[in-house]
């Protein structure tokens, strides 16, 4: 209706100016989003380290000194981090682009999977963020409808201000029998893209072929979640390699990086797979070499 209205107004003496303003504003928003996406990605790929866990679980290992860990992952070559607004304010200096997280729940609450909105895109702009992120759980009886509404409204707000939106999409709830099921992951990924996310984050399905089912059905970059702390570095790197073979545009790995004894070295190893195309085996050598003094 808006386009029809302005097209009918085009023949008026002021019509050209009005149309020009509309397209100019729209172009500026898209340009702003493209500029910010270029900051949080490198060669159309992303190595993101989420550090929003403090709201859910408190000051867990690796996140007690937020300034130190942010600088460590920046040193290792991460392209961006995810932080809540309070931790952004606590940064003494940001040597890496960051996204402001807008969702929260705590492990003490009766419904940990029910994420509520706790911030705005305007706050993110004011704090110097290069993007925003939301956590959406699909499958909850009460929470799914309100979280879908939140995703749609945040996507509209992010578009209005030219801010990239990362949607962290999970299948969690009483109707979910297997949260790693490729069909379930394909659905939640598609929901994220359909409702306006610029990047979609989902759990890895376990192998490259099944993950291709996910990436083929989504029109925006898909990245994998790191999940719980794994038993070995090799396991993490093999997951990253498999995801990239399955069409992923990168990763968003938290605990398996910030709880590592050498976070910068672990980031370098992951980066060698994402940006240099190395295998997990070769990335293990990168990890070992970066831990040796020169």
Protein backbone atom coordinates (compact mmCIF):
# COMPACT_ATOMS: atom_id res chain seq x y z
CA UNK A 1 0.00 0.00 0.00
CA UNK A 2 2.82 2.41 0.77
CA UNK A 3 4.48 1.86 -2.62
CA UNK A 4 1.14 2.35 -4.43
CA UNK A 5 0.48 5.52 -2.50
CA UNK A 6 3.78 7.10 -3.43
CA UNK A 7 3.68 5.94 -7.03
CA UNK A 8 0.29 7.65 -7.45
CA UNK A 9 1.87 10.73 -5.91
CA UNK A 10 4.75 10.65 -8.35
CA UNK A 11 3.16 12.98 -10.91
CA UNK A 12 2.81 15.75 -8.35
CA UNK A 13 5.45 18.45 -8.20
CA UNK A 14 6.73 17.22 -4.85
CA UNK A 15 6.40 13.55 -5.64
CA UNK A 16 9.93 13.04 -6.88
CA UNK A 17 11.36 14.46 -3.68
CA UNK A 18 9.19 12.19 -1.55
CA UNK A 19 10.15 9.10 -3.50
CA UNK A 20 13.78 10.12 -3.37
CA UNK A 21 13.60 10.39 0.40
CA UNK A 22 12.05 6.94 0.72
CA UNK A 23 14.65 5.22 -1.45
CA UNK A 24 17.46 7.26 0.07
CA UNK A 25 16.49 6.24 3.60
CA UNK A 26 16.12 2.61 2.56
CA UNK A 27 19.49 2.63 0.80
CA UNK A 28 21.17 4.18 3.82
CA UNK A 29 19.80 1.47 6.10
CA UNK A 30 21.04 -1.25 3.77
CA UNK A 31 24.43 0.41 3.44
CA UNK A 32 24.71 0.68 7.22
CA UNK A 33 23.85 -2.99 7.62
CA UNK A 34 26.36 -4.03 4.96
CA UNK A 35 29.11 -1.97 6.62
CA UNK A 36 28.39 -3.54 10.00
CA UNK A 37 28.20 -7.05 8.53
CA UNK A 38 31.62 -6.50 6.96
CA UNK A 39 32.97 -5.70 10.44
CA UNK A 40 31.64 -8.81 12.16
CA UNK A 41 32.50 -11.12 9.25
CA UNK A 42 35.65 -11.73 7.23
CA UNK A 43 35.44 -12.95 3.65
CA UNK A 44 31.74 -13.66 4.26
CA UNK A 45 32.60 -15.96 7.15
CA UNK A 46 32.26 -15.46 10.87
CA UNK A 47 34.06 -16.62 14.00
CA UNK A 48 31.93 -15.38 16.84
CA UNK A 49 32.54 -15.97 20.55
CA UNK A 50 29.31 -15.58 22.57
CA UNK A 51 29.82 -14.44 26.15
CA UNK A 52 26.23 -13.91 27.22
CA UNK A 53 26.24 -16.87 29.61
CA UNK A 54 26.56 -14.77 32.78
CA UNK A 55 22.86 -13.94 32.94
CA UNK A 56 21.89 -17.61 32.71
CA UNK A 57 24.61 -19.22 34.83
CA UNK A 58 26.46 -16.44 36.66
CA UNK A 59 30.23 -15.81 36.61
CA UNK A 60 31.24 -19.19 35.18
CA UNK A 61 34.83 -20.18 34.48
CA UNK A 62 36.33 -18.07 31.71
CA UNK A 63 34.00 -15.10 32.10
CA UNK A 64 35.03 -13.67 35.46
CA UNK A 65 37.34 -11.11 33.82
CA UNK A 66 35.44 -9.95 30.75
CA UNK A 67 38.13 -7.52 29.57
CA UNK A 68 40.82 -10.19 29.60
CA UNK A 69 38.82 -12.81 27.73
CA UNK A 70 37.55 -10.36 25.09
CA UNK A 71 41.12 -9.27 24.36
CA UNK A 72 42.29 -12.90 24.25
CA UNK A 73 39.79 -13.99 21.59
CA UNK A 74 40.50 -10.81 19.63
CA UNK A 75 44.19 -11.72 19.72
CA UNK A 76 43.35 -15.16 18.36
CA UNK A 77 41.46 -13.79 15.36
CA UNK A 78 37.79 -13.96 16.30
CA UNK A 79 35.65 -11.67 14.13
CA UNK A 80 33.23 -10.65 16.89
CA UNK A 81 31.87 -11.39 20.36
CA UNK A 82 28.35 -11.36 21.85
CA UNK A 83 27.81 -9.52 25.13
CA UNK A 84 24.95 -8.25 27.25
CA UNK A 85 24.74 -4.48 27.66
CA UNK A 86 26.19 -4.44 31.19
CA UNK A 87 29.35 -6.22 30.06
CA UNK A 88 29.67 -3.85 27.10
CA UNK A 89 29.66 -0.98 29.57
CA UNK A 90 32.33 -2.79 31.60
CA UNK A 91 34.75 -2.99 28.67
CA UNK A 92 37.74 -0.69 29.08
CA UNK A 93 38.62 -0.99 25.42
CA UNK A 94 37.07 -3.04 22.64
CA UNK A 95 39.64 -4.41 20.19
CA UNK A 96 37.00 -6.46 18.41
CA UNK A 97 33.49 -5.77 17.03
CA UNK A 98 30.65 -6.87 19.30
CA UNK A 99 26.98 -7.71 19.10
CA UNK A 100 24.65 -6.81 21.95
CA UNK A 101 22.48 -9.70 23.16
CA UNK A 102 18.83 -8.85 23.72
CA UNK A 103 17.46 -12.06 25.31
CA UNK A 104 17.67 -13.43 28.83
CA UNK A 105 16.53 -16.04 31.33
CA UNK A 106 18.23 -17.58 34.35
CA UNK A 107 18.92 -21.14 35.46
CA UNK A 108 17.11 -20.35 38.73
CA UNK A 109 13.82 -19.47 37.05
CA UNK A 110 10.88 -21.87 36.55
CA UNK A 111 11.19 -21.69 32.73
CA UNK A 112 14.84 -21.35 31.68
CA UNK A 113 13.88 -21.88 28.02
CA UNK A 114 11.56 -18.89 28.08
CA UNK A 115 13.79 -16.07 26.88
CA UNK A 116 12.50 -12.52 27.30
CA UNK A 117 13.61 -9.32 25.63
CA UNK A 118 15.85 -7.19 27.87
CA UNK A 119 17.25 -4.52 25.53
CA UNK A 120 16.60 -2.49 22.39
CA UNK A 121 18.36 -1.89 19.09
CA UNK A 122 18.68 1.80 20.01
CA UNK A 123 20.65 0.83 23.13
CA UNK A 124 22.95 -1.28 20.99
CA UNK A 125 23.62 1.66 18.68
CA UNK A 126 24.24 3.94 21.62
CA UNK A 127 26.77 1.47 23.07
CA UNK A 128 28.65 1.14 19.77
CA UNK A 129 27.56 -2.38 18.82
CA UNK A 130 27.88 -3.63 15.25
CA UNK A 131 24.85 -5.90 15.57
CA UNK A 132 22.30 -7.45 17.90
CA UNK A 133 21.37 -11.03 18.76
CA UNK A 134 18.34 -12.83 20.14
CA UNK A 135 17.86 -16.35 21.50
CA UNK A 136 14.72 -18.12 20.26
CA UNK A 137 13.54 -21.54 21.46
CA UNK A 138 11.00 -23.30 19.24
CA UNK A 139 8.74 -25.97 20.73
CA UNK A 140 7.65 -24.51 24.06
CA UNK A 141 3.95 -24.57 24.90
CA UNK A 142 3.72 -21.03 26.23
CA UNK A 143 7.00 -19.49 25.23
CA UNK A 144 7.13 -20.19 21.48
CA UNK A 145 4.45 -17.66 20.41
CA UNK A 146 5.94 -14.78 22.39
CA UNK A 147 9.47 -15.58 21.26
CA UNK A 148 8.38 -15.69 17.62
CA UNK A 149 6.74 -12.31 18.11
CA UNK A 150 9.95 -11.02 19.68
CA UNK A 151 12.06 -12.26 16.76
CA UNK A 152 9.80 -10.57 14.23
CA UNK A 153 9.70 -7.27 16.08
CA UNK A 154 13.46 -7.16 16.72
CA UNK A 155 14.11 -7.98 13.05
CA UNK A 156 11.94 -5.04 11.99
CA UNK A 157 13.67 -2.74 14.47
CA UNK A 158 17.11 -3.92 13.34
CA UNK A 159 16.22 -3.30 9.69
CA UNK A 160 14.97 0.18 10.55
CA UNK A 161 18.37 1.11 11.97
CA UNK A 162 20.55 -0.92 9.61
CA UNK A 163 21.75 -3.29 12.34
CA UNK A 164 22.65 -6.92 11.56
CA UNK A 165 20.58 -9.46 13.52
CA UNK A 166 21.94 -12.81 14.66
CA UNK A 167 19.14 -15.22 15.61
CA UNK A 168 20.20 -18.09 17.88
CA UNK A 169 17.62 -20.73 16.98
CA UNK A 170 17.02 -23.89 19.03
CA UNK A 171 14.45 -26.71 19.12
CA UNK A 172 13.58 -27.02 22.81
CA UNK A 173 10.31 -27.98 24.45
CA UNK A 174 7.95 -30.86 25.23
CA UNK A 175 7.34 -31.56 21.54
CA UNK A 176 11.06 -31.94 20.79
CA UNK A 177 12.27 -35.53 21.03
CA UNK A 178 15.72 -34.92 19.56
CA UNK A 179 17.08 -31.37 19.59
CA UNK A 180 19.75 -32.35 17.04
CA UNK A 181 17.31 -33.88 14.56
CA UNK A 182 18.12 -32.44 11.10
CA UNK A 183 14.43 -31.86 10.35
CA UNK A 184 13.95 -29.92 13.58
CA UNK A 185 17.14 -27.93 13.02
CA UNK A 186 16.12 -27.22 9.42
CA UNK A 187 12.79 -25.89 10.66
CA UNK A 188 14.20 -23.58 13.33
CA UNK A 189 16.86 -22.29 10.92
CA UNK A 190 14.21 -21.53 8.33
CA UNK A 191 12.07 -19.76 10.93
CA UNK A 192 14.99 -17.47 11.74
CA UNK A 193 15.52 -16.60 8.09
CA UNK A 194 11.80 -16.25 7.34
CA UNK A 195 11.30 -13.77 10.19
CA UNK A 196 14.17 -11.53 9.17
CA UNK A 197 17.47 -12.62 10.74
CA UNK A 198 20.63 -11.77 8.81
CA UNK A 199 22.60 -14.67 10.31
CA UNK A 200 21.14 -17.83 11.85
CA UNK A 201 22.86 -19.87 14.54
CA UNK A 202 21.80 -23.49 15.15
CA UNK A 203 23.20 -26.63 16.79
CA UNK A 204 25.32 -28.88 14.57
CA UNK A 205 23.42 -31.96 13.40
CA UNK A 206 26.40 -34.29 13.76
CA UNK A 207 27.66 -34.81 10.21
CA UNK A 208 28.21 -32.73 7.04
CA UNK A 209 25.55 -34.45 4.93
CA UNK A 210 22.71 -33.91 7.39
CA UNK A 211 23.86 -30.33 7.98
CA UNK A 212 23.63 -29.66 4.25
CA UNK A 213 19.88 -30.25 4.65
CA UNK A 214 19.87 -27.28 7.02
CA UNK A 215 22.00 -24.88 5.01
CA UNK A 216 20.29 -25.65 1.70
CA UNK A 217 16.94 -24.48 3.06
CA UNK A 218 18.09 -21.10 4.38
CA UNK A 219 18.72 -17.93 2.40
CA UNK A 220 21.08 -16.31 4.94
CA UNK A 221 24.41 -17.45 6.43
CA UNK A 222 24.09 -20.34 8.90
CA UNK A 223 26.59 -20.82 11.71
CA UNK A 224 26.83 -23.51 14.37
CA UNK A 225 26.59 -23.30 18.14
CA UNK A 226 29.43 -24.72 20.18
CA UNK A 227 27.21 -26.40 22.75
CA UNK A 228 28.43 -27.70 26.14
CA UNK A 229 32.13 -27.99 26.97
CA UNK A 230 33.49 -30.92 24.98
CA UNK A 231 35.89 -33.58 26.20
CA UNK A 232 38.70 -32.72 23.79
CA UNK A 233 39.99 -30.02 21.48
CA UNK A 234 40.01 -32.46 18.58
CA UNK A 235 36.29 -33.06 19.04
CA UNK A 236 35.62 -29.32 18.76
CA UNK A 237 37.79 -28.93 15.68
CA UNK A 238 36.22 -31.95 13.97
CA UNK A 239 32.80 -30.41 14.59
CA UNK A 240 33.94 -27.15 13.00
CA UNK A 241 35.40 -28.96 10.00
CA UNK A 242 32.20 -30.97 9.53
CA UNK A 243 30.02 -27.89 9.75
CA UNK A 244 32.08 -26.04 7.14
CA UNK A 245 31.85 -29.05 4.81
CA UNK A 246 28.10 -28.94 5.38
CA UNK A 247 27.82 -25.36 4.16
CA UNK A 248 28.18 -23.38 7.37
CA UNK A 249 29.41 -19.78 7.16
CA UNK A 250 31.25 -20.12 10.44
CA UNK A 251 30.72 -20.74 14.12
CA UNK A 252 29.53 -19.21 17.37
CA UNK A 253 31.46 -21.10 20.02
CA UNK A 254 31.49 -20.05 23.67
CA UNK A 255 32.55 -22.48 26.43
CA UNK A 256 34.87 -24.47 24.20
CA UNK A 257 36.85 -21.28 23.66
CA UNK A 258 36.57 -19.08 26.75
CA UNK A 259 37.00 -22.05 29.13
CA UNK A 260 40.04 -23.29 27.24
CA UNK A 261 43.40 -22.95 28.99
CA UNK A 262 44.67 -20.96 25.99
CA UNK A 263 41.65 -19.19 24.45
CA UNK A 264 43.65 -17.25 21.86
CA UNK A 265 45.32 -20.45 20.63
CA UNK A 266 41.99 -22.25 20.39
CA UNK A 267 40.55 -19.38 18.36
CA UNK A 268 43.55 -19.52 16.00
CA UNK A 269 42.98 -23.23 15.45
CA UNK A 270 39.28 -22.73 14.70
CA UNK A 271 40.10 -19.79 12.42
CA UNK A 272 42.51 -21.95 10.41
CA UNK A 273 39.59 -24.22 9.48
CA UNK A 274 37.07 -21.45 8.76
CA UNK A 275 39.29 -19.02 6.85
CA UNK A 276 42.18 -21.13 5.59
CA UNK A 277 40.35 -24.36 4.82
CA UNK A 278 42.54 -26.56 7.00
CA UNK A 279 41.39 -29.93 8.29
CA UNK A 280 40.81 -30.65 11.98
CA UNK A 281 44.07 -32.62 11.99
CA UNK A 282 45.98 -29.67 10.56
CA UNK A 283 44.24 -27.31 12.97
CA UNK A 284 45.52 -29.44 15.85
CA UNK A 285 49.04 -28.61 14.68
CA UNK A 286 48.12 -24.91 14.63
CA UNK A 287 46.87 -25.23 18.20
CA UNK A 288 50.04 -26.94 19.37
CA UNK A 289 52.33 -24.54 17.51
CA UNK A 290 50.59 -21.46 18.86
CA UNK A 291 51.10 -22.74 22.37
CA UNK A 292 54.86 -23.03 21.97
CA UNK A 293 57.04 -20.03 22.84
CA UNK A 294 58.84 -18.49 19.87
